[in-house]
C-alpha atoms as a PDB file:
ATOM      1  CA  UNK A   1      -5.854  14.383   3.137  1.00  0.00           C
ATOM      2  CA  UNK A   2      -8.289  14.979   0.471  1.00  0.00           C
ATOM      3  CA  UNK A   3      -5.243  16.070  -1.788  1.00  0.00           C
ATOM      4  CA  UNK A   4      -3.320  12.873  -1.207  1.00  0.00           C
ATOM      5  CA  UNK A   5      -6.418  10.681  -1.725  1.00  0.00           C
ATOM      6  CA  UNK A   6      -7.165  12.403  -4.975  1.00  0.00           C
ATOM      7  CA  UNK A   7      -3.904  12.117  -6.357  1.00  0.00           C
ATOM      8  CA  UNK A   8      -3.667   8.418  -5.369  1.00  0.00           C
ATOM      9  CA  UNK A   9      -6.991   7.818  -6.980  1.00  0.00           C
ATOM     10  CA  UNK A  10      -6.015   9.762 -10.261  1.00  0.00           C
ATOM     11  CA  UNK A  11      -2.685   7.689 -10.524  1.00  0.00           C
ATOM     12  CA  UNK A  12      -4.527   4.387  -9.913  1.00  0.00           C
ATOM     13  CA  UNK A  13      -7.214   5.324 -12.561  1.00  0.00           C
ATOM     14  CA  UNK A  14      -4.580   6.363 -15.053  1.00  0.00           C
ATOM     15  CA  UNK A  15      -2.613   3.030 -14.484  1.00  0.00           C
ATOM     16  CA  UNK A  16      -5.565   0.914 -15.216  1.00  0.00           C
ATOM     17  CA  UNK A  17      -6.818   3.101 -18.060  1.00  0.00           C
ATOM     18  CA  UNK A  18      -9.990   4.476 -16.460  1.00  0.00           C
ATOM     19  CA  UNK A  19     -11.108   7.920 -17.413  1.00  0.00           C
ATOM     20  CA  UNK A  20     -12.293   9.337 -14.248  1.00  0.00           C
ATOM     21  CA  UNK A  21     -12.165  12.380 -12.120  1.00  0.00           C
ATOM     22  CA  UNK A  22     -11.849  11.081  -8.483  1.00  0.00           C
ATOM     23  CA  UNK A  23     -12.226  14.731  -7.209  1.00  0.00           C
ATOM     24  CA  UNK A  24     -15.599  15.085  -9.051  1.00  0.00           C
ATOM     25  CA  UNK A  25     -16.718  11.801  -7.557  1.00  0.00           C
ATOM     26  CA  UNK A  26     -15.801  12.909  -4.025  1.00  0.00           C
ATOM     27  CA  UNK A  27     -17.826  16.040  -4.694  1.00  0.00           C
ATOM     28  CA  UNK A  28     -20.809  14.568  -6.128  1.00  0.00           C
ATOM     29  CA  UNK A  29     -21.028  11.598  -3.477  1.00  0.00           C
ATOM     30  CA  UNK A  30     -20.534   8.869  -5.816  1.00  0.00           C
ATOM     31  CA  UNK A  31     -17.349   7.801  -4.263  1.00  0.00           C
ATOM     32  CA  UNK A  32     -19.234   7.456  -0.845  1.00  0.00           C
ATOM     33  CA  UNK A  33     -21.783   5.164  -2.586  1.00  0.00           C
ATOM     34  CA  UNK A  34     -19.099   2.886  -4.157  1.00  0.00           C
ATOM     35  CA  UNK A  35     -17.341   2.757  -0.508  1.00  0.00           C
ATOM     36  CA  UNK A  36     -20.585   1.462   0.974  1.00  0.00           C
ATOM     37  CA  UNK A  37     -21.322  -1.003  -1.770  1.00  0.00           C
ATOM     38  CA  UNK A  38     -17.722  -2.338  -1.262  1.00  0.00           C
ATOM     39  CA  UNK A  39     -18.265  -2.798   2.507  1.00  0.00           C
ATOM     40  CA  UNK A  40     -21.716  -4.654   1.726  1.00  0.00           C
ATOM     41  CA  UNK A  41     -20.074  -6.816  -0.832  1.00  0.00           C
ATOM     42  CA  UNK A  42     -17.663  -7.988   1.874  1.00  0.00           C
ATOM     43  CA  UNK A  43     -20.343  -8.757   4.042  1.00  0.00           C
ATOM     44  CA  UNK A  44     -20.174  -5.495   6.188  1.00  0.00           C
ATOM     45  CA  UNK A  45     -22.592  -3.226   7.533  1.00  0.00           C
ATOM     46  CA  UNK A  46     -22.147   0.078   5.762  1.00  0.00           C
ATOM     47  CA  UNK A  47     -24.242   1.786   8.380  1.00  0.00           C
ATOM     48  CA  UNK A  48     -22.130   0.489  11.259  1.00  0.00           C
ATOM     49  CA  UNK A  49     -20.497   3.163  13.633  1.00  0.00           C
ATOM     50  CA  UNK A  50     -16.860   3.272  13.109  1.00  0.00           C
ATOM     51  CA  UNK A  51     -14.615   2.522  16.203  1.00  0.00           C
ATOM     52  CA  UNK A  52     -12.875   5.204  17.923  1.00  0.00           C
ATOM     53  CA  UNK A  53      -9.963   5.585  20.241  1.00  0.00           C
ATOM     54  CA  UNK A  54     -10.924   5.037  23.850  1.00  0.00           C
ATOM     55  CA  UNK A  55      -8.619   7.921  24.755  1.00  0.00           C
ATOM     56  CA  UNK A  56      -8.921  11.144  23.169  1.00  0.00           C
ATOM     57  CA  UNK A  57      -6.477  14.293  23.770  1.00  0.00           C
ATOM     58  CA  UNK A  58      -7.306  17.741  22.432  1.00  0.00           C
ATOM     59  CA  UNK A  59      -4.219  19.542  21.029  1.00  0.00           C
ATOM     60  CA  UNK A  60      -4.694  23.156  20.124  1.00  0.00           C
ATOM     61  CA  UNK A  61      -2.521  24.804  17.583  1.00  0.00           C
ATOM     62  CA  UNK A  62      -0.633  27.992  19.017  1.00  0.00           C
ATOM     63  CA  UNK A  63      -0.498  29.451  15.474  1.00  0.00           C
ATOM     64  CA  UNK A  64      -1.618  29.018  11.896  1.00  0.00           C
ATOM     65  CA  UNK A  65       0.110  26.354   9.769  1.00  0.00           C
ATOM     66  CA  UNK A  66       0.112  22.831   8.357  1.00  0.00           C
ATOM     67  CA  UNK A  67       0.178  19.603  10.088  1.00  0.00           C
ATOM     68  CA  UNK A  68       3.207  17.679   8.360  1.00  0.00           C
ATOM     69  CA  UNK A  69       2.784  14.260  10.368  1.00  0.00           C
ATOM     70  CA  UNK A  70       0.991  12.432  13.134  1.00  0.00           C
ATOM     71  CA  UNK A  71       2.559   9.777  15.133  1.00  0.00           C
ATOM     72  CA  UNK A  72      -0.431   7.465  15.704  1.00  0.00           C
ATOM     73  CA  UNK A  73       1.773   4.818  17.593  1.00  0.00           C
ATOM     74  CA  UNK A  74       3.362   7.094  20.158  1.00  0.00           C
ATOM     75  CA  UNK A  75       1.021   6.183  23.015  1.00  0.00           C
ATOM     76  CA  UNK A  76       1.718   2.624  22.381  1.00  0.00           C
ATOM     77  CA  UNK A  77       5.669   3.001  22.563  1.00  0.00           C
ATOM     78  CA  UNK A  78       5.379   5.176  25.718  1.00  0.00           C
ATOM     79  CA  UNK A  79       2.785   2.621  27.412  1.00  0.00           C
ATOM     80  CA  UNK A  80       0.098   5.208  28.010  1.00  0.00           C
ATOM     81  CA  UNK A  81      -2.482   2.650  28.413  1.00  0.00           C
ATOM     82  CA  UNK A  82      -1.481   2.364  32.086  1.00  0.00           C
ATOM     83  CA  UNK A  83       0.730  -0.029  34.048  1.00  0.00           C
ATOM     84  CA  UNK A  84      -2.196  -2.550  34.627  1.00  0.00           C
ATOM     85  CA  UNK A  85      -4.097  -2.255  30.904  1.00  0.00           C
ATOM     86  CA  UNK A  86      -3.062  -3.777  27.775  1.00  0.00           C
ATOM     87  CA  UNK A  87      -1.557  -1.673  24.975  1.00  0.00           C
ATOM     88  CA  UNK A  88      -4.446  -0.336  22.997  1.00  0.00           C
ATOM     89  CA  UNK A  89      -4.131  -0.798  18.997  1.00  0.00           C
ATOM     90  CA  UNK A  90      -6.832   1.803  18.087  1.00  0.00           C
ATOM     91  CA  UNK A  91      -5.779   5.329  17.272  1.00  0.00           C
ATOM     92  CA  UNK A  92      -7.784   8.033  15.593  1.00  0.00           C
ATOM     93  CA  UNK A  93      -7.045  11.448  14.664  1.00  0.00           C
ATOM     94  CA  UNK A  94      -9.743  14.206  14.334  1.00  0.00           C
ATOM     95  CA  UNK A  95      -9.108  17.622  12.878  1.00  0.00           C
ATOM     96  CA  UNK A  96     -11.488  20.485  13.690  1.00  0.00           C
ATOM     97  CA  UNK A  97     -11.761  23.918  12.238  1.00  0.00           C
END
């Protein structure tokens, strides 16, 4: 995810003529401070706890490898919310080493 984020940010900077190194900004923490200021500028609370999915399922890898995709809507299509519950629209993925 970091590589994709850095690649996208680098391309965006190049397109608008900004000479910046997004990887360096992530590493030194300044990108996070800009993120916090953006939230505050929109009336949000940068210290608010982010929402997480009400249902979490741990999936353990059986071998080393690379995750090529995650289907975050899978549960909605299968109706995993239960027959008497509305479909939940909150999905999250947590990667642990």
